[in-house]
Amino acid sequence: MRTVKTEEEYADAINSREDSIEIVGDLRNKVIKIKATGSIAWGIAFAAIVVAVGMAMSGVGVPVAAASAFAATTVLGISTTTAAIAIAVAAGGTAVLTATRDDYRIVEQNSKHVILKRC
């Protein structure tokens, strides 16, 4: 099991297709929110995140890109949207967010961590 606490560590764990990932710290809450968002709301947020990731990767920066992703911030909140963009930028694209939602399930969560297991 790999333990992560930053967006960069999380992106690397997903890209490495880790079987189990323990997420600690504030990132835990953000990943839970990404996983818990309904399909329709996620579709709206994801579309805005895709555009924002393109902006961030072109040099605008994650905070500015997150501010421009109004639809995503409405659904996820600014801190989760910023984390999602930072994760995608660190991973080199938004496929990491799709993998988070589709390829991993929450097997344990408490106030200190959440553990994801690859399906």
C-alpha atoms as a PDB file:
ATOM      1  CA  MET A   1       0.000   0.000   0.000  1.00  0.00           C
ATOM      2  CA  ARG A   2       1.275   3.424  -0.920  1.00  0.00           C
ATOM      3  CA  THR A   3       0.577   6.402   1.354  1.00  0.00           C
ATOM      4  CA  VAL A   4       0.147   9.819  -0.277  1.00  0.00           C
ATOM      5  CA  LYS A   5      -0.570  13.292   1.027  1.00  0.00           C
ATOM      6  CA  THR A   6      -0.042  15.608  -1.953  1.00  0.00           C
ATOM      7  CA  GLU A   7      -1.672  15.903  -5.342  1.00  0.00           C
ATOM      8  CA  GLU A   8       1.623  15.006  -7.013  1.00  0.00           C
ATOM      9  CA  GLU A   9       2.074  11.846  -4.927  1.00  0.00           C
ATOM     10  CA  TYR A  10      -1.523  10.859  -5.614  1.00  0.00           C
ATOM     11  CA  ALA A  11      -1.162  11.380  -9.376  1.00  0.00           C
ATOM     12  CA  ASP A  12       1.980   9.261  -9.369  1.00  0.00           C
ATOM     13  CA  ALA A  13       0.250   6.475  -7.418  1.00  0.00           C
ATOM     14  CA  ILE A  14      -2.674   6.390  -9.857  1.00  0.00           C
ATOM     15  CA  ASN A  15      -0.367   6.530 -12.894  1.00  0.00           C
ATOM     16  CA  SER A  16       1.648   3.672 -11.358  1.00  0.00           C
ATOM     17  CA  ARG A  17      -1.597   1.685 -11.022  1.00  0.00           C
ATOM     18  CA  GLU A  18      -0.988   1.011  -7.325  1.00  0.00           C
ATOM     19  CA  ASP A  19      -3.317  -1.676  -6.010  1.00  0.00           C
ATOM     20  CA  SER A  20      -3.989   0.189  -2.741  1.00  0.00           C
ATOM     21  CA  ILE A  21      -3.561   3.869  -1.968  1.00  0.00           C
ATOM     22  CA  GLU A  22      -3.857   5.414   1.486  1.00  0.00           C
ATOM     23  CA  ILE A  23      -4.650   9.128   1.299  1.00  0.00           C
ATOM     24  CA  VAL A  24      -3.925  11.228   4.372  1.00  0.00           C
ATOM     25  CA  GLY A  25      -4.291  14.880   5.248  1.00  0.00           C
ATOM     26  CA  ASP A  26      -6.611  17.342   3.565  1.00  0.00           C
ATOM     27  CA  LEU A  27      -6.289  15.571   0.197  1.00  0.00           C
ATOM     28  CA  ARG A  28      -8.381  12.784   1.744  1.00  0.00           C
ATOM     29  CA  ASN A  29     -11.485  14.996   1.837  1.00  0.00           C
ATOM     30  CA  LYS A  30     -10.993  16.183  -1.723  1.00  0.00           C
ATOM     31  CA  VAL A  31     -10.654  12.686  -3.185  1.00  0.00           C
ATOM     32  CA  ILE A  32     -13.732  11.567  -1.249  1.00  0.00           C
ATOM     33  CA  LYS A  33     -15.674  14.457  -2.798  1.00  0.00           C
ATOM     34  CA  ILE A  34     -14.432  13.565  -6.299  1.00  0.00           C
ATOM     35  CA  LYS A  35     -15.519   9.961  -5.743  1.00  0.00           C
ATOM     36  CA  ALA A  36     -18.892  10.874  -4.179  1.00  0.00           C
ATOM     37  CA  THR A  37     -20.089  13.372  -6.793  1.00  0.00           C
ATOM     38  CA  GLY A  38     -22.973  12.033  -8.870  1.00  0.00           C
ATOM     39  CA  SER A  39     -22.487  11.188 -12.535  1.00  0.00           C
ATOM     40  CA  ILE A  40     -24.328  14.155 -14.027  1.00  0.00           C
ATOM     41  CA  ALA A  41     -22.735  16.677 -11.676  1.00  0.00           C
ATOM     42  CA  TRP A  42     -19.335  15.067 -12.281  1.00  0.00           C
ATOM     43  CA  GLY A  43     -19.827  15.355 -16.054  1.00  0.00           C
ATOM     44  CA  ILE A  44     -20.417  19.086 -15.724  1.00  0.00           C
ATOM     45  CA  ALA A  45     -17.484  19.542 -13.360  1.00  0.00           C
ATOM     46  CA  PHE A  46     -15.202  17.345 -15.469  1.00  0.00           C
ATOM     47  CA  ALA A  47     -15.848  19.378 -18.622  1.00  0.00           C
ATOM     48  CA  ALA A  48     -14.809  22.548 -16.808  1.00  0.00           C
ATOM     49  CA  ILE A  49     -11.786  20.797 -15.294  1.00  0.00           C
ATOM     50  CA  VAL A  50     -10.613  19.612 -18.736  1.00  0.00           C
ATOM     51  CA  VAL A  51     -10.556  23.220 -19.957  1.00  0.00           C
ATOM     52  CA  ALA A  52      -8.863  24.424 -16.764  1.00  0.00           C
ATOM     53  CA  VAL A  53      -6.202  21.689 -16.968  1.00  0.00           C
ATOM     54  CA  GLY A  54      -5.424  22.789 -20.525  1.00  0.00           C
ATOM     55  CA  MET A  55      -5.025  26.335 -19.272  1.00  0.00           C
ATOM     56  CA  ALA A  56      -2.854  25.270 -16.330  1.00  0.00           C
ATOM     57  CA  MET A  57      -0.628  23.129 -18.533  1.00  0.00           C
ATOM     58  CA  SER A  58      -0.153  26.041 -20.931  1.00  0.00           C
ATOM     59  CA  GLY A  59       1.387  28.117 -18.162  1.00  0.00           C
ATOM     60  CA  VAL A  60      -1.529  30.009 -16.619  1.00  0.00           C
ATOM     61  CA  GLY A  61      -1.127  28.250 -13.280  1.00  0.00           C
ATOM     62  CA  VAL A  62      -3.449  26.071 -11.242  1.00  0.00           C
ATOM     63  CA  PRO A  63      -5.053  28.819  -9.076  1.00  0.00           C
ATOM     64  CA  VAL A  64      -6.006  30.949 -12.096  1.00  0.00           C
ATOM     65  CA  ALA A  65      -7.223  27.903 -14.006  1.00  0.00           C
ATOM     66  CA  ALA A  66      -9.335  26.806 -11.030  1.00  0.00           C
ATOM     67  CA  ALA A  67     -10.907  30.252 -10.788  1.00  0.00           C
ATOM     68  CA  SER A  68     -11.936  29.981 -14.448  1.00  0.00           C
ATOM     69  CA  ALA A  69     -13.596  26.579 -13.881  1.00  0.00           C
ATOM     70  CA  PHE A  70     -16.793  28.066 -12.472  1.00  0.00           C
ATOM     71  CA  ALA A  71     -18.975  25.038 -13.237  1.00  0.00           C
ATOM     72  CA  ALA A  72     -16.566  22.743 -11.409  1.00  0.00           C
ATOM     73  CA  THR A  73     -16.280  25.037  -8.410  1.00  0.00           C
ATOM     74  CA  THR A  74     -20.063  25.190  -8.194  1.00  0.00           C
ATOM     75  CA  VAL A  75     -20.238  21.389  -8.023  1.00  0.00           C
ATOM     76  CA  LEU A  76     -17.068  20.527  -6.101  1.00  0.00           C
ATOM     77  CA  GLY A  77     -16.036  23.722  -4.338  1.00  0.00           C
ATOM     78  CA  ILE A  78     -12.877  25.695  -4.992  1.00  0.00           C
ATOM     79  CA  SER A  79     -10.483  23.575  -2.922  1.00  0.00           C
ATOM     80  CA  THR A  80     -11.565  20.256  -4.490  1.00  0.00           C
ATOM     81  CA  THR A  81     -11.557  21.789  -7.983  1.00  0.00           C
ATOM     82  CA  THR A  82      -8.060  23.160  -7.400  1.00  0.00           C
ATOM     83  CA  ALA A  83      -6.906  19.749  -6.142  1.00  0.00           C
ATOM     84  CA  ALA A  84      -8.470  17.971  -9.151  1.00  0.00           C
ATOM     85  CA  ILE A  85      -6.692  20.342 -11.535  1.00  0.00           C
ATOM     86  CA  ALA A  86      -3.386  19.949  -9.656  1.00  0.00           C
ATOM     87  CA  ILE A  87      -3.736  16.144  -9.734  1.00  0.00           C
ATOM     88  CA  ALA A  88      -4.435  16.185 -13.476  1.00  0.00           C
ATOM     89  CA  VAL A  89      -1.556  18.567 -14.206  1.00  0.00           C
ATOM     90  CA  ALA A  90       0.836  16.421 -12.131  1.00  0.00           C
ATOM     91  CA  ALA A  91      -0.367  13.301 -13.953  1.00  0.00           C
ATOM     92  CA  GLY A  92      -0.105  14.876 -17.391  1.00  0.00           C
ATOM     93  CA  GLY A  93      -3.835  14.829 -18.127  1.00  0.00           C
ATOM     94  CA  THR A  94      -7.346  14.227 -16.877  1.00  0.00           C
ATOM     95  CA  ALA A  95      -7.275  10.435 -17.307  1.00  0.00           C
ATOM     96  CA  VAL A  96      -6.098  10.276 -13.687  1.00  0.00           C
ATOM     97  CA  LEU A  97      -9.466  11.690 -12.569  1.00  0.00           C
ATOM     98  CA  THR A  98     -11.367   9.165 -14.655  1.00  0.00           C
ATOM     99  CA  ALA A  99      -9.238   6.397 -13.133  1.00  0.00           C
ATOM    100  CA  THR A 100      -9.996   7.750  -9.658  1.00  0.00           C
ATOM    101  CA  ARG A 101     -13.720   7.460 -10.274  1.00  0.00           C
ATOM    102  CA  ASP A 102     -13.818   4.297 -12.365  1.00  0.00           C
ATOM    103  CA  ASP A 103     -10.858   2.132 -11.384  1.00  0.00           C
ATOM    104  CA  TYR A 104     -10.706   2.586  -7.597  1.00  0.00           C
ATOM    105  CA  ARG A 105     -13.197   2.092  -4.795  1.00  0.00           C
ATOM    106  CA  ILE A 106     -13.134   3.311  -1.227  1.00  0.00           C
ATOM    107  CA  VAL A 107     -12.557   0.334   1.081  1.00  0.00           C
ATOM    108  CA  GLU A 108     -11.970   2.251   4.301  1.00  0.00           C
ATOM    109  CA  GLN A 109     -12.342   5.803   5.477  1.00  0.00           C
ATOM    110  CA  ASN A 110     -12.102   7.585   8.793  1.00  0.00           C
ATOM    111  CA  SER A 111     -11.073  11.002  10.069  1.00  0.00           C
ATOM    112  CA  LYS A 112      -7.390  10.294   9.410  1.00  0.00           C
ATOM    113  CA  HIS A 113      -7.296   8.562   6.036  1.00  0.00           C
ATOM    114  CA  VAL A 114      -9.135   6.995   3.139  1.00  0.00           C
ATOM    115  CA  ILE A 115      -7.969   3.825   1.465  1.00  0.00           C
ATOM    116  CA  LEU A 116      -8.656   3.209  -2.210  1.00  0.00           C
ATOM    117  CA  LYS A 117      -8.357  -0.222  -3.780  1.00  0.00           C
ATOM    118  CA  ARG A 118      -8.063  -0.798  -7.509  1.00  0.00           C
ATOM    119  CA  CYS A 119     -11.023  -2.746  -8.878  1.00  0.00           C
END
